[in-house]
Amino acid sequence: MSNFFEQELRKLFGDGKIIESPRFVGRACMGSLGGDLRARAQFVTTWYADRYEALLVTVLNRTDGEVDRICLSLRDLLGVKQIPNNPNFRDGLAPYIWTYRGKSEWYAYQPTPADYDILRQAAGDYLDVFRERAPKRTQGAPARKPPRRTSKPKGRDER
């Protein structure tokens, strides 16, 4: 049985397009970027305990450990969302996951498919920097044709 965090990470990375061969363990998604590079994604707290406001994406070298990481703020990516018919959030709310009494869930706002696309795109843009790329073939300028020469030398008047 998967936990809430695993379910949310599956929505983001389960198709294997951003993180190749994704594996979901506890609150993390692990997978490959090609070669010796791996990726890990997990929701993290940045300010309050049990309030997960960011997606931490880490690039790991299989043998040497952490290469780089970025903390993607849900507020920065998704903005403040309006909560209709809720007088407690007249000015809206930045999305986050909270854990209360042992249960984790989105607090007051459930992300839309467009919101998941934004998160997926941001993580993908970051991870693309580290992916192995096939070398680009450079195509040179077209070869210039040499000037035509005639077999007969030109006379003095023809020069």
C-alpha atoms as a PDB file:
ATOM      1  CA  MET A   1       0.000   0.000   0.000  1.00  0.00           C
ATOM      2  CA  SER A   2       1.378   3.404  -0.964  1.00  0.00           C
ATOM      3  CA  ASN A   3       1.325   6.473   1.223  1.00  0.00           C
ATOM      4  CA  PHE A   4      -0.007   9.908   0.257  1.00  0.00           C
ATOM      5  CA  PHE A   5       3.425  11.265  -0.716  1.00  0.00           C
ATOM      6  CA  GLU A   6       4.094   8.284  -2.969  1.00  0.00           C
ATOM      7  CA  GLN A   7       0.730   8.776  -4.680  1.00  0.00           C
ATOM      8  CA  GLU A   8       1.520  12.440  -5.340  1.00  0.00           C
ATOM      9  CA  LEU A   9       5.008  11.644  -6.631  1.00  0.00           C
ATOM     10  CA  ARG A  10       3.513   9.002  -8.939  1.00  0.00           C
ATOM     11  CA  LYS A  11       1.243  11.704 -10.412  1.00  0.00           C
ATOM     12  CA  LEU A  12       4.355  13.753 -11.190  1.00  0.00           C
ATOM     13  CA  PHE A  13       6.924  11.144 -12.231  1.00  0.00           C
ATOM     14  CA  GLY A  14       5.158   7.808 -12.653  1.00  0.00           C
ATOM     15  CA  ASP A  15       5.220   7.900 -16.456  1.00  0.00           C
ATOM     16  CA  GLY A  16       9.044   7.839 -16.544  1.00  0.00           C
ATOM     17  CA  LYS A  17       9.347  10.886 -18.820  1.00  0.00           C
ATOM     18  CA  ILE A  18      11.062  13.167 -16.288  1.00  0.00           C
ATOM     19  CA  ILE A  19      12.802  10.561 -14.125  1.00  0.00           C
ATOM     20  CA  GLU A  20      13.605   7.344 -15.989  1.00  0.00           C
ATOM     21  CA  SER A  21      12.604   4.020 -14.402  1.00  0.00           C
ATOM     22  CA  PRO A  22      11.062   5.687 -11.337  1.00  0.00           C
ATOM     23  CA  ARG A  23      10.964   3.803  -8.028  1.00  0.00           C
ATOM     24  CA  PHE A  24       8.855   5.026  -5.155  1.00  0.00           C
ATOM     25  CA  VAL A  25      10.127   4.371  -1.668  1.00  0.00           C
ATOM     26  CA  GLY A  26       8.470   5.959   1.345  1.00  0.00           C
ATOM     27  CA  ARG A  27       8.284   9.678   0.643  1.00  0.00           C
ATOM     28  CA  ALA A  28      10.763   9.711  -2.254  1.00  0.00           C
ATOM     29  CA  CYS A  29      10.900   8.984  -5.958  1.00  0.00           C
ATOM     30  CA  MET A  30      14.240   7.687  -7.246  1.00  0.00           C
ATOM     31  CA  GLY A  31      15.277   7.054 -10.833  1.00  0.00           C
ATOM     32  CA  SER A  32      17.888   7.425 -13.534  1.00  0.00           C
ATOM     33  CA  LEU A  33      19.091  10.361 -15.597  1.00  0.00           C
ATOM     34  CA  GLY A  34      21.453   8.241 -17.688  1.00  0.00           C
ATOM     35  CA  GLY A  35      25.006   7.076 -17.088  1.00  0.00           C
ATOM     36  CA  ASP A  36      25.962   7.225 -13.421  1.00  0.00           C
ATOM     37  CA  LEU A  37      23.495  10.010 -12.595  1.00  0.00           C
ATOM     38  CA  ARG A  38      20.367   9.419 -10.555  1.00  0.00           C
ATOM     39  CA  ALA A  39      17.543  11.705  -9.448  1.00  0.00           C
ATOM     40  CA  ARG A  40      15.593  11.869  -6.202  1.00  0.00           C
ATOM     41  CA  ALA A  41      12.433  13.918  -5.687  1.00  0.00           C
ATOM     42  CA  GLN A  42      10.571  14.406  -2.430  1.00  0.00           C
ATOM     43  CA  PHE A  43       8.217  16.881  -0.792  1.00  0.00           C
ATOM     44  CA  VAL A  44       9.912  18.730   2.066  1.00  0.00           C
ATOM     45  CA  THR A  45       9.125  21.169   4.837  1.00  0.00           C
ATOM     46  CA  THR A  46      10.848  24.524   4.683  1.00  0.00           C
ATOM     47  CA  TRP A  47       9.337  26.476   7.536  1.00  0.00           C
ATOM     48  CA  TYR A  48       6.799  24.547   9.643  1.00  0.00           C
ATOM     49  CA  ALA A  49       6.923  20.951  10.779  1.00  0.00           C
ATOM     50  CA  ASP A  50       4.364  18.737   9.014  1.00  0.00           C
ATOM     51  CA  ARG A  51       3.754  21.411   6.360  1.00  0.00           C
ATOM     52  CA  TYR A  52       5.337  20.388   3.045  1.00  0.00           C
ATOM     53  CA  GLU A  53       5.680  23.514   0.893  1.00  0.00           C
ATOM     54  CA  ALA A  54       8.376  22.478  -1.581  1.00  0.00           C
ATOM     55  CA  LEU A  55       9.580  19.764  -3.910  1.00  0.00           C
ATOM     56  CA  LEU A  56      13.262  18.956  -3.355  1.00  0.00           C
ATOM     57  CA  VAL A  57      14.944  17.530  -6.465  1.00  0.00           C
ATOM     58  CA  THR A  58      18.430  16.083  -6.011  1.00  0.00           C
ATOM     59  CA  VAL A  59      20.907  14.849  -8.609  1.00  0.00           C
ATOM     60  CA  LEU A  60      23.151  12.039  -7.379  1.00  0.00           C
ATOM     61  CA  ASN A  61      26.209  10.361  -8.834  1.00  0.00           C
ATOM     62  CA  ARG A  62      25.861   6.622  -8.338  1.00  0.00           C
ATOM     63  CA  THR A  63      29.323   6.314  -6.816  1.00  0.00           C
ATOM     64  CA  ASP A  64      30.233   9.819  -5.595  1.00  0.00           C
ATOM     65  CA  GLY A  65      26.986  11.001  -3.967  1.00  0.00           C
ATOM     66  CA  GLU A  66      25.165  14.311  -4.290  1.00  0.00           C
ATOM     67  CA  VAL A  67      25.968  16.438  -7.328  1.00  0.00           C
ATOM     68  CA  ASP A  68      23.384  19.217  -6.927  1.00  0.00           C
ATOM     69  CA  ARG A  69      19.887  19.935  -5.643  1.00  0.00           C
ATOM     70  CA  ILE A  70      17.145  22.489  -5.939  1.00  0.00           C
ATOM     71  CA  CYS A  71      14.223  23.270  -3.657  1.00  0.00           C
ATOM     72  CA  LEU A  72      11.200  24.162  -5.795  1.00  0.00           C
ATOM     73  CA  SER A  73       8.741  26.222  -3.760  1.00  0.00           C
ATOM     74  CA  LEU A  74       5.114  25.328  -4.438  1.00  0.00           C
ATOM     75  CA  ARG A  75       4.185  28.958  -3.799  1.00  0.00           C
ATOM     76  CA  ASP A  76       6.718  30.209  -6.341  1.00  0.00           C
ATOM     77  CA  LEU A  77       5.575  27.742  -8.996  1.00  0.00           C
ATOM     78  CA  LEU A  78       1.829  27.600  -8.394  1.00  0.00           C
ATOM     79  CA  GLY A  79       1.182  30.990  -6.826  1.00  0.00           C
ATOM     80  CA  VAL A  80      -1.592  31.804  -4.394  1.00  0.00           C
ATOM     81  CA  LYS A  81      -4.820  29.952  -5.140  1.00  0.00           C
ATOM     82  CA  GLN A  82      -8.309  31.202  -4.412  1.00  0.00           C
ATOM     83  CA  ILE A  83     -10.454  28.942  -2.237  1.00  0.00           C
ATOM     84  CA  PRO A  84     -14.076  29.592  -3.245  1.00  0.00           C
ATOM     85  CA  ASN A  85     -16.712  29.689  -0.509  1.00  0.00           C
ATOM     86  CA  ASN A  86     -14.136  29.602   2.284  1.00  0.00           C
ATOM     87  CA  PRO A  87     -14.137  32.756   4.437  1.00  0.00           C
ATOM     88  CA  ASN A  88     -10.867  31.701   6.127  1.00  0.00           C
ATOM     89  CA  PHE A  89      -8.884  32.299   2.934  1.00  0.00           C
ATOM     90  CA  ARG A  90     -10.265  35.518   1.440  1.00  0.00           C
ATOM     91  CA  ASP A  91      -6.839  36.371   0.003  1.00  0.00           C
ATOM     92  CA  GLY A  92      -6.179  32.843  -1.205  1.00  0.00           C
ATOM     93  CA  LEU A  93      -3.672  30.237  -0.091  1.00  0.00           C
ATOM     94  CA  ALA A  94      -0.323  28.956  -1.334  1.00  0.00           C
ATOM     95  CA  PRO A  95      -0.716  25.182  -1.850  1.00  0.00           C
ATOM     96  CA  TYR A  96       0.971  22.793   0.547  1.00  0.00           C
ATOM     97  CA  ILE A  97       0.626  19.303   1.973  1.00  0.00           C
ATOM     98  CA  TRP A  98       0.087  18.967   5.678  1.00  0.00           C
ATOM     99  CA  THR A  99       0.202  16.045   8.053  1.00  0.00           C
ATOM    100  CA  TYR A 100      -2.324  16.192  10.853  1.00  0.00           C
ATOM    101  CA  ARG A 101      -3.090  13.376  13.292  1.00  0.00           C
ATOM    102  CA  GLY A 102      -1.060  10.970  11.190  1.00  0.00           C
ATOM    103  CA  LYS A 103      -2.874  11.740   7.921  1.00  0.00           C
ATOM    104  CA  SER A 104      -1.254  13.643   5.041  1.00  0.00           C
ATOM    105  CA  GLU A 105      -3.273  15.571   2.448  1.00  0.00           C
ATOM    106  CA  TRP A 106      -3.381  18.823   0.499  1.00  0.00           C
ATOM    107  CA  TYR A 107      -4.505  21.623   2.788  1.00  0.00           C
ATOM    108  CA  ALA A 108      -7.676  23.404   1.573  1.00  0.00           C
ATOM    109  CA  TYR A 109      -6.632  23.292  -2.104  1.00  0.00           C
ATOM    110  CA  GLN A 110      -6.328  20.275  -4.384  1.00  0.00           C
ATOM    111  CA  PRO A 111      -3.912  20.872  -7.295  1.00  0.00           C
ATOM    112  CA  THR A 112      -5.345  20.669 -10.795  1.00  0.00           C
ATOM    113  CA  PRO A 113      -3.804  18.699 -13.664  1.00  0.00           C
ATOM    114  CA  ALA A 114      -2.338  22.036 -14.886  1.00  0.00           C
ATOM    115  CA  ASP A 115      -0.678  22.516 -11.472  1.00  0.00           C
ATOM    116  CA  TYR A 116       0.914  19.059 -11.691  1.00  0.00           C
ATOM    117  CA  ASP A 117       2.146  19.930 -15.202  1.00  0.00           C
ATOM    118  CA  ILE A 118       3.824  23.079 -13.838  1.00  0.00           C
ATOM    119  CA  LEU A 119       5.616  21.083 -11.126  1.00  0.00           C
ATOM    120  CA  ARG A 120       6.603  18.366 -13.597  1.00  0.00           C
ATOM    121  CA  GLN A 121       7.942  20.949 -16.075  1.00  0.00           C
ATOM    122  CA  ALA A 122      10.025  22.753 -13.435  1.00  0.00           C
ATOM    123  CA  ALA A 123      11.581  19.493 -12.215  1.00  0.00           C
ATOM    124  CA  GLY A 124      12.182  18.369 -15.800  1.00  0.00           C
ATOM    125  CA  ASP A 125      13.842  21.651 -16.792  1.00  0.00           C
ATOM    126  CA  TYR A 126      16.217  21.339 -13.848  1.00  0.00           C
ATOM    127  CA  LEU A 127      17.056  17.673 -14.481  1.00  0.00           C
ATOM    128  CA  ASP A 128      17.589  18.284 -18.216  1.00  0.00           C
ATOM    129  CA  VAL A 129      20.738  20.236 -17.349  1.00  0.00           C
ATOM    130  CA  PHE A 130      22.309  17.011 -16.048  1.00  0.00           C
ATOM    131  CA  ARG A 131      21.120  14.525 -18.657  1.00  0.00           C
ATOM    132  CA  GLU A 132      23.597  12.995 -21.068  1.00  0.00           C
ATOM    133  CA  ARG A 133      23.118  14.335 -24.529  1.00  0.00           C
ATOM    134  CA  ALA A 134      24.116  12.793 -27.807  1.00  0.00           C
ATOM    135  CA  PRO A 135      26.761  15.010 -29.376  1.00  0.00           C
ATOM    136  CA  LYS A 136      25.264  17.414 -31.869  1.00  0.00           C
ATOM    137  CA  ARG A 137      26.372  17.030 -35.430  1.00  0.00           C
ATOM    138  CA  THR A 138      27.459  20.328 -36.789  1.00  0.00           C
ATOM    139  CA  GLN A 139      26.669  20.913 -40.360  1.00  0.00           C
ATOM    140  CA  GLY A 140      29.200  23.126 -42.058  1.00  0.00           C
ATOM    141  CA  ALA A 141      28.469  25.679 -44.714  1.00  0.00           C
ATOM    142  CA  PRO A 142      27.935  24.233 -48.173  1.00  0.00           C
ATOM    143  CA  ALA A 143      31.146  23.695 -50.101  1.00  0.00           C
ATOM    144  CA  ARG A 144      31.911  26.421 -52.564  1.00  0.00           C
ATOM    145  CA  LYS A 145      32.485  25.392 -56.107  1.00  0.00           C
ATOM    146  CA  PRO A 146      35.853  26.399 -57.532  1.00  0.00           C
ATOM    147  CA  PRO A 147      35.741  28.825 -60.448  1.00  0.00           C
ATOM    148  CA  ARG A 148      35.436  27.143 -63.833  1.00  0.00           C
ATOM    149  CA  ARG A 149      38.582  26.997 -65.872  1.00  0.00           C
ATOM    150  CA  THR A 150      38.689  26.630 -69.544  1.00  0.00           C
ATOM    151  CA  SER A 151      41.181  24.378 -71.215  1.00  0.00           C
ATOM    152  CA  LYS A 152      42.275  27.130 -73.565  1.00  0.00           C
ATOM    153  CA  PRO A 153      44.389  29.949 -72.135  1.00  0.00           C
ATOM    154  CA  LYS A 154      42.914  33.378 -72.599  1.00  0.00           C
ATOM    155  CA  GLY A 155      44.602  35.733 -74.977  1.00  0.00           C
ATOM    156  CA  ARG A 156      45.732  39.201 -74.101  1.00  0.00           C
ATOM    157  CA  ASP A 157      42.524  40.820 -75.295  1.00  0.00           C
ATOM    158  CA  GLU A 158      40.302  38.355 -73.419  1.00  0.00           C
ATOM    159  CA  ARG A 159      41.782  39.021 -69.956  1.00  0.00           C
END
